[in-house]
Amino acid sequence: MAMRKIATVALITLLYLPLLSQQAPDRFIRIEYPNGGEVLAAGGQATIRWLSLGIKGPVAILLFKDSEQHAVIAENAPNSGVFSWTLPADLPDSSQYRLRICSLRDLRINDFSDRDFAIRK
């Protein structure tokens, strides 16, 4: 019985130790909403939400459609983690939209929506 517990602890250690030893990035942006699967209404309101760590200064929020930049939602937004967005009423119906949020001080620090979301009229 004791050998089984030791073997179990050893296996768990081998599986999880590499994960524990990896350091989290000290600067990042992560989109929380919309991050994939949502349906937003053209002409409606949405609150864009993100998390950021170690980033000072404003961010840009960009809308992509079919993998190409479609619009600039905010070119100089405070890095507060929330942005109230009034979706233009003339946005084309599509289920292939994504956001990109990036630090304006270091464009390498950015995030895209994990999956597509839809905008419908």
Protein backbone atom coordinates (compact mmCIF):
# COMPACT_ATOMS: atom_id res chain seq x y z
CA MET A 1 0.00 0.00 0.00
CA ALA A 2 2.80 2.44 0.87
CA MET A 3 4.54 1.69 -2.45
CA ARG A 4 1.33 2.45 -4.33
CA LYS A 5 1.06 5.87 -2.63
CA ILE A 6 4.71 6.63 -3.38
CA ALA A 7 4.20 5.62 -7.01
CA THR A 8 1.11 7.81 -7.27
CA VAL A 9 2.91 10.82 -5.78
CA ALA A 10 5.88 10.22 -8.11
CA LEU A 11 3.60 10.04 -11.14
CA ILE A 12 1.74 13.21 -10.19
CA THR A 13 5.06 14.98 -9.62
CA LEU A 14 6.36 13.91 -13.03
CA LEU A 15 3.18 15.08 -14.74
CA TYR A 16 2.75 18.43 -13.02
CA LEU A 17 6.27 19.58 -12.15
CA PRO A 18 6.96 20.93 -15.65
CA LEU A 19 3.75 22.96 -15.43
CA LEU A 20 4.61 24.34 -12.01
CA SER A 21 8.12 25.33 -13.01
CA GLN A 22 6.96 27.42 -15.97
CA GLN A 23 6.78 31.06 -15.06
CA ALA A 24 3.75 33.07 -16.01
CA PRO A 25 4.50 35.98 -18.33
CA ASP A 26 5.09 39.19 -16.43
CA ARG A 27 3.17 41.26 -19.03
CA PHE A 28 0.09 40.16 -20.92
CA ILE A 29 -3.38 41.03 -22.20
CA ARG A 30 -6.16 38.43 -22.27
CA ILE A 31 -9.56 39.07 -23.82
CA GLU A 32 -12.45 37.88 -21.67
CA TYR A 33 -15.50 39.07 -23.67
CA PRO A 34 -16.32 38.58 -26.47
CA ASN A 35 -13.90 35.69 -26.69
CA GLY A 36 -15.77 33.25 -28.92
CA GLY A 37 -19.24 31.90 -29.49
CA GLU A 38 -21.16 35.03 -28.51
CA VAL A 39 -23.81 36.67 -30.68
CA LEU A 40 -23.83 40.49 -30.58
CA ALA A 41 -26.43 42.80 -32.10
CA ALA A 42 -25.46 45.34 -34.74
CA GLY A 43 -26.57 48.73 -33.40
CA GLY A 44 -26.54 47.36 -29.85
CA GLN A 45 -24.23 47.74 -26.87
CA ALA A 46 -21.52 45.37 -25.63
CA THR A 47 -19.01 45.67 -22.84
CA ILE A 48 -15.61 44.47 -24.02
CA ARG A 49 -13.67 42.97 -21.10
CA TRP A 50 -10.02 41.98 -20.77
CA LEU A 51 -7.39 41.27 -18.17
CA SER A 52 -3.93 42.78 -18.30
CA LEU A 53 -0.84 42.52 -16.18
CA GLY A 54 2.27 44.68 -16.16
CA ILE A 55 1.03 47.04 -18.85
CA LYS A 56 0.96 50.79 -18.48
CA GLY A 57 -0.69 53.15 -20.88
CA PRO A 58 -3.54 52.86 -23.33
CA VAL A 59 -4.65 50.01 -25.56
CA ALA A 60 -6.08 49.76 -29.06
CA ILE A 61 -9.15 47.62 -29.70
CA LEU A 62 -9.55 46.31 -33.24
CA LEU A 63 -12.34 44.36 -34.93
CA PHE A 64 -11.40 41.60 -37.36
CA LYS A 65 -13.75 39.91 -39.84
CA ASP A 66 -12.69 36.85 -41.82
CA SER A 67 -9.10 37.22 -40.48
CA GLU A 68 -8.72 40.78 -41.80
CA GLN A 69 -8.91 44.02 -39.86
CA HIS A 70 -12.41 45.41 -40.38
CA ALA A 71 -12.56 48.41 -38.04
CA VAL A 72 -10.86 50.28 -35.22
CA ILE A 73 -13.14 50.18 -32.19
CA ALA A 74 -10.86 52.31 -30.02
CA GLU A 75 -7.49 53.65 -31.04
CA ASN A 76 -6.47 54.96 -27.61
CA ALA A 77 -8.59 53.42 -24.83
CA PRO A 78 -7.63 53.43 -21.15
CA ASN A 79 -6.27 50.06 -20.02
CA SER A 80 -9.07 49.68 -17.49
CA GLY A 81 -10.20 46.19 -18.47
CA VAL A 82 -13.58 47.36 -19.76
CA PHE A 83 -14.76 49.33 -22.77
CA SER A 84 -18.37 50.16 -23.60
CA TRP A 85 -18.85 49.58 -27.33
CA THR A 86 -21.78 50.75 -29.39
CA LEU A 87 -21.73 48.44 -32.39
CA PRO A 88 -22.36 50.25 -35.65
CA ALA A 89 -25.80 49.39 -37.07
CA ASP A 90 -24.31 48.81 -40.52
CA LEU A 91 -21.92 46.02 -39.51
CA PRO A 92 -22.40 43.09 -41.90
CA ASP A 93 -23.93 39.91 -40.52
CA SER A 94 -21.19 37.37 -39.97
CA SER A 95 -20.17 34.65 -37.55
CA GLN A 96 -16.46 35.27 -38.21
CA TYR A 97 -15.59 38.28 -36.07
CA ARG A 98 -12.73 38.48 -33.57
CA LEU A 99 -11.20 41.22 -31.43
CA ARG A 100 -7.58 42.15 -30.99
CA ILE A 101 -6.50 44.26 -28.04
CA CYS A 102 -2.93 45.50 -27.96
CA SER A 103 -0.76 47.72 -25.80
CA LEU A 104 0.10 50.96 -27.57
CA ARG A 105 3.46 51.07 -25.79
CA ASP A 106 4.46 47.59 -26.96
CA LEU A 107 2.46 46.11 -29.85
CA ARG A 108 3.96 42.68 -29.14
CA ILE A 109 1.72 42.56 -26.07
CA ASN A 110 -1.68 41.73 -27.49
CA ASP A 111 -4.42 39.13 -27.61
CA PHE A 112 -6.96 37.94 -30.16
CA SER A 113 -10.35 36.45 -29.30
CA ASP A 114 -9.85 32.71 -28.87
CA ARG A 115 -12.65 31.89 -31.30
CA ASP A 116 -15.01 33.67 -33.67
CA PHE A 117 -18.13 35.45 -32.44
CA ALA A 118 -21.15 36.60 -34.46
CA ILE A 119 -22.72 39.98 -35.14
CA ARG A 120 -26.34 39.93 -36.37
CA LYS A 121 -28.84 42.63 -37.32
